[in-house]
Amino acid sequence: MDIEKKNTFVGLVIVNTGDGKGKTTSAIGQAIRAAGNGFKVCFIQFIKGKWLTGEAKLLRGLDLIEFHTMGTGFTWLSEDKIEIIAKGREAWKLAEQKVMSGSYDLVVLDELTYLISYQIIPEDSLLELIRKKPAAVHLVITGRGASSGLIDAADLVTEMKQIKHPYKEGIKAQKGIEF
């Protein structure tokens, strides 16, 4: 971080990445904290979409956080790659509009890293958005496999590391815990 950033208020770029559980959960906590402090918050989910998650039910009902679920579900389960790409790009356009509007203090881009790793949008588009965003807008970006470019552009990066997970023991995702 350069000296100019240290001496002025600046919206941070926060990245939650890694193969462990908790990236979205952390972003939800950040969004709730921000909203509780009077921040205007927009939360966009890029992958989830096939079923109504607990976070979608709660955050939509709070009326404090603008919440969008834009995906088609988990991309690795879908056979319709054209739909995945179209939905991903549609969600990206919405994200660009919300960030650049300057109307929000915090914008969460949940599972955005997958759009880069699946080459739905170029990494340069994300890095340009980070460079051009209004100075006061905080961004939270989540997802596995954050690129080195994204990590370099971020102010705060947390890696969730999986040490043990019940899925490896045959226990499927559970309502209220994973979704």
C-alpha atoms as a PDB file:
ATOM      1  CA  MET A   1       0.000   0.000   0.000  1.00  0.00           C
ATOM      2  CA  ASP A   2       1.455   3.364  -0.937  1.00  0.00           C
ATOM      3  CA  ILE A   3       1.766   6.384   1.364  1.00  0.00           C
ATOM      4  CA  GLU A   4      -1.198   8.187  -0.240  1.00  0.00           C
ATOM      5  CA  LYS A   5      -3.539   5.306   0.644  1.00  0.00           C
ATOM      6  CA  LYS A   6      -2.273   5.225   4.227  1.00  0.00           C
ATOM      7  CA  ASN A   7      -3.130   8.874   4.790  1.00  0.00           C
ATOM      8  CA  THR A   8      -6.608   9.006   3.263  1.00  0.00           C
ATOM      9  CA  PHE A   9      -9.835   7.054   3.563  1.00  0.00           C
ATOM     10  CA  VAL A  10      -9.946   4.426   0.878  1.00  0.00           C
ATOM     11  CA  GLY A  11     -12.298   1.615   0.052  1.00  0.00           C
ATOM     12  CA  LEU A  12     -10.486  -1.665   0.592  1.00  0.00           C
ATOM     13  CA  VAL A  13     -10.345  -4.670  -1.707  1.00  0.00           C
ATOM     14  CA  ILE A  14     -10.782  -7.773   0.444  1.00  0.00           C
ATOM     15  CA  VAL A  15     -10.296 -11.261  -1.006  1.00  0.00           C
ATOM     16  CA  ASN A  16     -11.427 -14.503   0.675  1.00  0.00           C
ATOM     17  CA  THR A  17      -9.933 -17.447  -1.191  1.00  0.00           C
ATOM     18  CA  GLY A  18      -8.655 -20.980  -0.637  1.00  0.00           C
ATOM     19  CA  ASP A  19     -10.015 -24.515  -0.683  1.00  0.00           C
ATOM     20  CA  GLY A  20     -11.523 -24.338   2.799  1.00  0.00           C
ATOM     21  CA  LYS A  21     -15.067 -23.558   3.872  1.00  0.00           C
ATOM     22  CA  GLY A  22     -15.992 -20.079   5.020  1.00  0.00           C
ATOM     23  CA  LYS A  23     -15.355 -17.665   2.145  1.00  0.00           C
ATOM     24  CA  THR A  24     -18.993 -16.746   1.581  1.00  0.00           C
ATOM     25  CA  THR A  25     -19.769 -16.976   5.290  1.00  0.00           C
ATOM     26  CA  SER A  26     -17.052 -14.424   6.011  1.00  0.00           C
ATOM     27  CA  ALA A  27     -18.354 -12.128   3.269  1.00  0.00           C
ATOM     28  CA  ILE A  28     -21.870 -12.360   4.723  1.00  0.00           C
ATOM     29  CA  GLY A  29     -20.509 -11.371   8.115  1.00  0.00           C
ATOM     30  CA  GLN A  30     -18.689  -8.421   6.550  1.00  0.00           C
ATOM     31  CA  ALA A  31     -21.871  -7.334   4.753  1.00  0.00           C
ATOM     32  CA  ILE A  32     -23.922  -7.553   7.955  1.00  0.00           C
ATOM     33  CA  ARG A  33     -21.286  -5.625   9.902  1.00  0.00           C
ATOM     34  CA  ALA A  34     -21.194  -2.908   7.231  1.00  0.00           C
ATOM     35  CA  ALA A  35     -24.995  -2.671   7.005  1.00  0.00           C
ATOM     36  CA  GLY A  36     -25.204  -2.512  10.787  1.00  0.00           C
ATOM     37  CA  ASN A  37     -22.918   0.519  10.647  1.00  0.00           C
ATOM     38  CA  GLY A  38     -25.161   2.282   8.157  1.00  0.00           C
ATOM     39  CA  PHE A  39     -23.266   1.307   4.997  1.00  0.00           C
ATOM     40  CA  LYS A  40     -25.210   0.771   1.818  1.00  0.00           C
ATOM     41  CA  VAL A  41     -24.401  -2.794   0.759  1.00  0.00           C
ATOM     42  CA  CYS A  42     -24.879  -4.766  -2.453  1.00  0.00           C
ATOM     43  CA  PHE A  43     -24.232  -8.536  -2.422  1.00  0.00           C
ATOM     44  CA  ILE A  44     -23.963 -10.400  -5.749  1.00  0.00           C
ATOM     45  CA  GLN A  45     -23.617 -14.190  -5.942  1.00  0.00           C
ATOM     46  CA  PHE A  46     -22.119 -15.376  -9.226  1.00  0.00           C
ATOM     47  CA  ILE A  47     -22.497 -19.174  -8.989  1.00  0.00           C
ATOM     48  CA  LYS A  48     -25.228 -20.130  -6.543  1.00  0.00           C
ATOM     49  CA  GLY A  49     -28.683 -20.072  -8.012  1.00  0.00           C
ATOM     50  CA  LYS A  50     -30.407 -23.443  -8.294  1.00  0.00           C
ATOM     51  CA  TRP A  51     -31.787 -23.423  -4.768  1.00  0.00           C
ATOM     52  CA  LEU A  52     -32.668 -20.763  -2.221  1.00  0.00           C
ATOM     53  CA  THR A  53     -29.864 -20.640   0.340  1.00  0.00           C
ATOM     54  CA  GLY A  54     -30.204 -19.593   3.957  1.00  0.00           C
ATOM     55  CA  GLU A  55     -28.166 -16.456   3.324  1.00  0.00           C
ATOM     56  CA  ALA A  56     -30.438 -15.449   0.429  1.00  0.00           C
ATOM     57  CA  LYS A  57     -33.545 -15.921   2.585  1.00  0.00           C
ATOM     58  CA  LEU A  58     -32.133 -13.851   5.426  1.00  0.00           C
ATOM     59  CA  LEU A  59     -30.360 -11.092   3.533  1.00  0.00           C
ATOM     60  CA  ARG A  60     -33.277 -10.481   1.172  1.00  0.00           C
ATOM     61  CA  GLY A  61     -35.584 -10.227   4.156  1.00  0.00           C
ATOM     62  CA  LEU A  62     -33.415  -7.721   6.032  1.00  0.00           C
ATOM     63  CA  ASP A  63     -34.016  -4.876   3.603  1.00  0.00           C
ATOM     64  CA  LEU A  64     -30.599  -3.527   4.619  1.00  0.00           C
ATOM     65  CA  ILE A  65     -28.644  -5.342   1.925  1.00  0.00           C
ATOM     66  CA  GLU A  66     -29.431  -5.416  -1.787  1.00  0.00           C
ATOM     67  CA  PHE A  67     -29.003  -9.100  -2.670  1.00  0.00           C
ATOM     68  CA  HIS A  68     -28.693 -10.695  -6.121  1.00  0.00           C
ATOM     69  CA  THR A  69     -28.273 -14.381  -6.963  1.00  0.00           C
ATOM     70  CA  MET A  70     -27.189 -14.441 -10.596  1.00  0.00           C
ATOM     71  CA  GLY A  71     -25.794 -17.911 -11.239  1.00  0.00           C
ATOM     72  CA  THR A  72     -27.171 -21.156 -12.579  1.00  0.00           C
ATOM     73  CA  GLY A  73     -25.820 -23.310  -9.778  1.00  0.00           C
ATOM     74  CA  PHE A  74     -22.443 -24.949  -9.504  1.00  0.00           C
ATOM     75  CA  THR A  75     -20.809 -24.732 -12.930  1.00  0.00           C
ATOM     76  CA  TRP A  76     -19.086 -28.093 -12.743  1.00  0.00           C
ATOM     77  CA  LEU A  77     -22.507 -29.796 -12.541  1.00  0.00           C
ATOM     78  CA  SER A  78     -23.989 -28.081 -15.600  1.00  0.00           C
ATOM     79  CA  GLU A  79     -23.940 -29.355 -19.152  1.00  0.00           C
ATOM     80  CA  ASP A  80     -25.119 -26.055 -20.641  1.00  0.00           C
ATOM     81  CA  LYS A  81     -21.871 -24.072 -20.839  1.00  0.00           C
ATOM     82  CA  ILE A  82     -23.476 -21.407 -23.046  1.00  0.00           C
ATOM     83  CA  GLU A  83     -26.007 -20.587 -20.324  1.00  0.00           C
ATOM     84  CA  ILE A  84     -23.252 -20.496 -17.676  1.00  0.00           C
ATOM     85  CA  ILE A  85     -21.206 -18.054 -19.746  1.00  0.00           C
ATOM     86  CA  ALA A  86     -24.225 -15.853 -20.517  1.00  0.00           C
ATOM     87  CA  LYS A  87     -25.340 -15.743 -16.867  1.00  0.00           C
ATOM     88  CA  GLY A  88     -21.789 -15.089 -15.699  1.00  0.00           C
ATOM     89  CA  ARG A  89     -21.351 -12.180 -18.086  1.00  0.00           C
ATOM     90  CA  GLU A  90     -24.781 -10.790 -17.164  1.00  0.00           C
ATOM     91  CA  ALA A  91     -23.807 -10.925 -13.480  1.00  0.00           C
ATOM     92  CA  TRP A  92     -20.467  -9.270 -14.264  1.00  0.00           C
ATOM     93  CA  LYS A  93     -22.230  -6.375 -16.036  1.00  0.00           C
ATOM     94  CA  LEU A  94     -24.454  -5.910 -12.986  1.00  0.00           C
ATOM     95  CA  ALA A  95     -21.397  -5.965 -10.728  1.00  0.00           C
ATOM     96  CA  GLU A  96     -19.629  -3.333 -12.814  1.00  0.00           C
ATOM     97  CA  GLN A  97     -22.735  -1.110 -12.709  1.00  0.00           C
ATOM     98  CA  LYS A  98     -23.162  -1.461  -8.947  1.00  0.00           C
ATOM     99  CA  VAL A  99     -19.497  -0.815  -8.158  1.00  0.00           C
ATOM    100  CA  MET A 100     -19.086   2.107 -10.549  1.00  0.00           C
ATOM    101  CA  SER A 101     -22.382   3.746  -9.531  1.00  0.00           C
ATOM    102  CA  GLY A 102     -20.798   4.965  -6.314  1.00  0.00           C
ATOM    103  CA  SER A 103     -24.150   4.291  -4.630  1.00  0.00           C
ATOM    104  CA  TYR A 104     -22.750   1.574  -2.367  1.00  0.00           C
ATOM    105  CA  ASP A 105     -20.213   1.634   0.421  1.00  0.00           C
ATOM    106  CA  LEU A 106     -19.587  -2.110   0.145  1.00  0.00           C
ATOM    107  CA  VAL A 107     -20.100  -4.472  -2.775  1.00  0.00           C
ATOM    108  CA  VAL A 108     -19.645  -8.215  -2.264  1.00  0.00           C
ATOM    109  CA  LEU A 109     -18.776 -10.228  -5.376  1.00  0.00           C
ATOM    110  CA  ASP A 110     -19.324 -13.747  -4.084  1.00  0.00           C
ATOM    111  CA  GLU A 111     -17.616 -16.542  -6.030  1.00  0.00           C
ATOM    112  CA  LEU A 112     -16.332 -14.104  -8.636  1.00  0.00           C
ATOM    113  CA  THR A 113     -12.968 -15.869  -8.905  1.00  0.00           C
ATOM    114  CA  TYR A 114     -14.659 -18.686 -10.824  1.00  0.00           C
ATOM    115  CA  LEU A 115     -15.499 -16.306 -13.674  1.00  0.00           C
ATOM    116  CA  ILE A 116     -11.765 -15.722 -14.081  1.00  0.00           C
ATOM    117  CA  SER A 117     -10.685 -19.360 -13.709  1.00  0.00           C
ATOM    118  CA  TYR A 118     -13.389 -20.578 -16.143  1.00  0.00           C
ATOM    119  CA  GLN A 119     -12.437 -17.731 -18.533  1.00  0.00           C
ATOM    120  CA  ILE A 120     -15.950 -16.287 -18.547  1.00  0.00           C
ATOM    121  CA  ILE A 121     -14.464 -12.831 -18.108  1.00  0.00           C
ATOM    122  CA  PRO A 122     -10.813 -11.830 -18.540  1.00  0.00           C
ATOM    123  CA  GLU A 123      -8.812 -11.122 -15.398  1.00  0.00           C
ATOM    124  CA  ASP A 124      -7.929  -7.719 -16.857  1.00  0.00           C
ATOM    125  CA  SER A 125     -11.608  -6.700 -16.636  1.00  0.00           C
ATOM    126  CA  LEU A 126     -11.614  -7.350 -12.894  1.00  0.00           C
ATOM    127  CA  LEU A 127      -8.286  -5.591 -12.356  1.00  0.00           C
ATOM    128  CA  GLU A 128      -9.535  -2.588 -14.331  1.00  0.00           C
ATOM    129  CA  LEU A 129     -12.687  -2.434 -12.191  1.00  0.00           C
ATOM    130  CA  ILE A 130     -10.525  -2.438  -9.065  1.00  0.00           C
ATOM    131  CA  ARG A 131      -8.353   0.382 -10.452  1.00  0.00           C
ATOM    132  CA  LYS A 132     -11.313   2.508 -11.587  1.00  0.00           C
ATOM    133  CA  LYS A 133     -13.796   1.936  -8.754  1.00  0.00           C
ATOM    134  CA  PRO A 134     -14.836   4.980  -6.733  1.00  0.00           C
ATOM    135  CA  ALA A 135     -12.252   5.470  -3.977  1.00  0.00           C
ATOM    136  CA  ALA A 136     -14.704   5.021  -1.106  1.00  0.00           C
ATOM    137  CA  VAL A 137     -16.210   1.727  -2.313  1.00  0.00           C
ATOM    138  CA  HIS A 138     -15.091  -1.364  -0.426  1.00  0.00           C
ATOM    139  CA  LEU A 139     -15.056  -4.632  -2.423  1.00  0.00           C
ATOM    140  CA  VAL A 140     -15.205  -8.140  -1.020  1.00  0.00           C
ATOM    141  CA  ILE A 141     -14.346 -10.836  -3.572  1.00  0.00           C
ATOM    142  CA  THR A 142     -14.655 -14.524  -2.775  1.00  0.00           C
ATOM    143  CA  GLY A 143     -13.881 -17.841  -4.416  1.00  0.00           C
ATOM    144  CA  ARG A 144     -11.256 -20.510  -4.762  1.00  0.00           C
ATOM    145  CA  GLY A 145      -8.106 -19.980  -6.779  1.00  0.00           C
ATOM    146  CA  ALA A 146      -7.744 -16.191  -6.615  1.00  0.00           C
ATOM    147  CA  SER A 147      -5.278 -15.226  -9.326  1.00  0.00           C
ATOM    148  CA  SER A 148      -1.913 -13.683  -8.515  1.00  0.00           C
ATOM    149  CA  GLY A 149      -3.082 -10.470 -10.216  1.00  0.00           C
ATOM    150  CA  LEU A 150      -6.119 -10.260  -7.934  1.00  0.00           C
ATOM    151  CA  ILE A 151      -4.035 -11.032  -4.865  1.00  0.00           C
ATOM    152  CA  ASP A 152      -1.571  -8.283  -5.818  1.00  0.00           C
ATOM    153  CA  ALA A 153      -4.395  -5.769  -6.378  1.00  0.00           C
ATOM    154  CA  ALA A 154      -6.092  -6.554  -3.041  1.00  0.00           C
ATOM    155  CA  ASP A 155      -5.496  -4.786   0.255  1.00  0.00           C
ATOM    156  CA  LEU A 156      -6.447  -7.788   2.394  1.00  0.00           C
ATOM    157  CA  VAL A 157      -6.302 -11.450   1.386  1.00  0.00           C
ATOM    158  CA  THR A 158      -7.398 -14.340   3.571  1.00  0.00           C
ATOM    159  CA  GLU A 159      -6.888 -17.930   2.540  1.00  0.00           C
ATOM    160  CA  MET A 160      -9.285 -20.487   3.981  1.00  0.00           C
ATOM    161  CA  LYS A 161      -7.408 -23.768   4.224  1.00  0.00           C
ATOM    162  CA  GLN A 162      -9.263 -27.060   4.422  1.00  0.00           C
ATOM    163  CA  ILE A 163      -7.846 -29.313   7.085  1.00  0.00           C
ATOM    164  CA  LYS A 164     -10.809 -31.657   7.528  1.00  0.00           C
ATOM    165  CA  HIS A 165     -14.256 -31.724   5.922  1.00  0.00           C
ATOM    166  CA  PRO A 166     -17.211 -34.082   6.496  1.00  0.00           C
ATOM    167  CA  TYR A 167     -17.735 -34.449   2.733  1.00  0.00           C
ATOM    168  CA  LYS A 168     -14.633 -36.660   2.638  1.00  0.00           C
ATOM    169  CA  GLU A 169     -16.431 -38.992   5.062  1.00  0.00           C
ATOM    170  CA  GLY A 170     -19.467 -39.183   2.777  1.00  0.00           C
ATOM    171  CA  ILE A 171     -21.540 -36.564   4.591  1.00  0.00           C
ATOM    172  CA  LYS A 172     -23.338 -34.424   2.037  1.00  0.00           C
ATOM    173  CA  ALA A 173     -23.814 -30.655   2.242  1.00  0.00           C
ATOM    174  CA  GLN A 174     -26.311 -29.817   4.970  1.00  0.00           C
ATOM    175  CA  LYS A 175     -28.976 -27.134   5.042  1.00  0.00           C
ATOM    176  CA  GLY A 176     -28.034 -24.426   7.506  1.00  0.00           C
ATOM    177  CA  ILE A 177     -24.354 -25.331   7.384  1.00  0.00           C
ATOM    178  CA  GLU A 178     -23.307 -25.271   3.720  1.00  0.00           C
ATOM    179  CA  PHE A 179     -26.354 -23.574   2.234  1.00  0.00           C
END
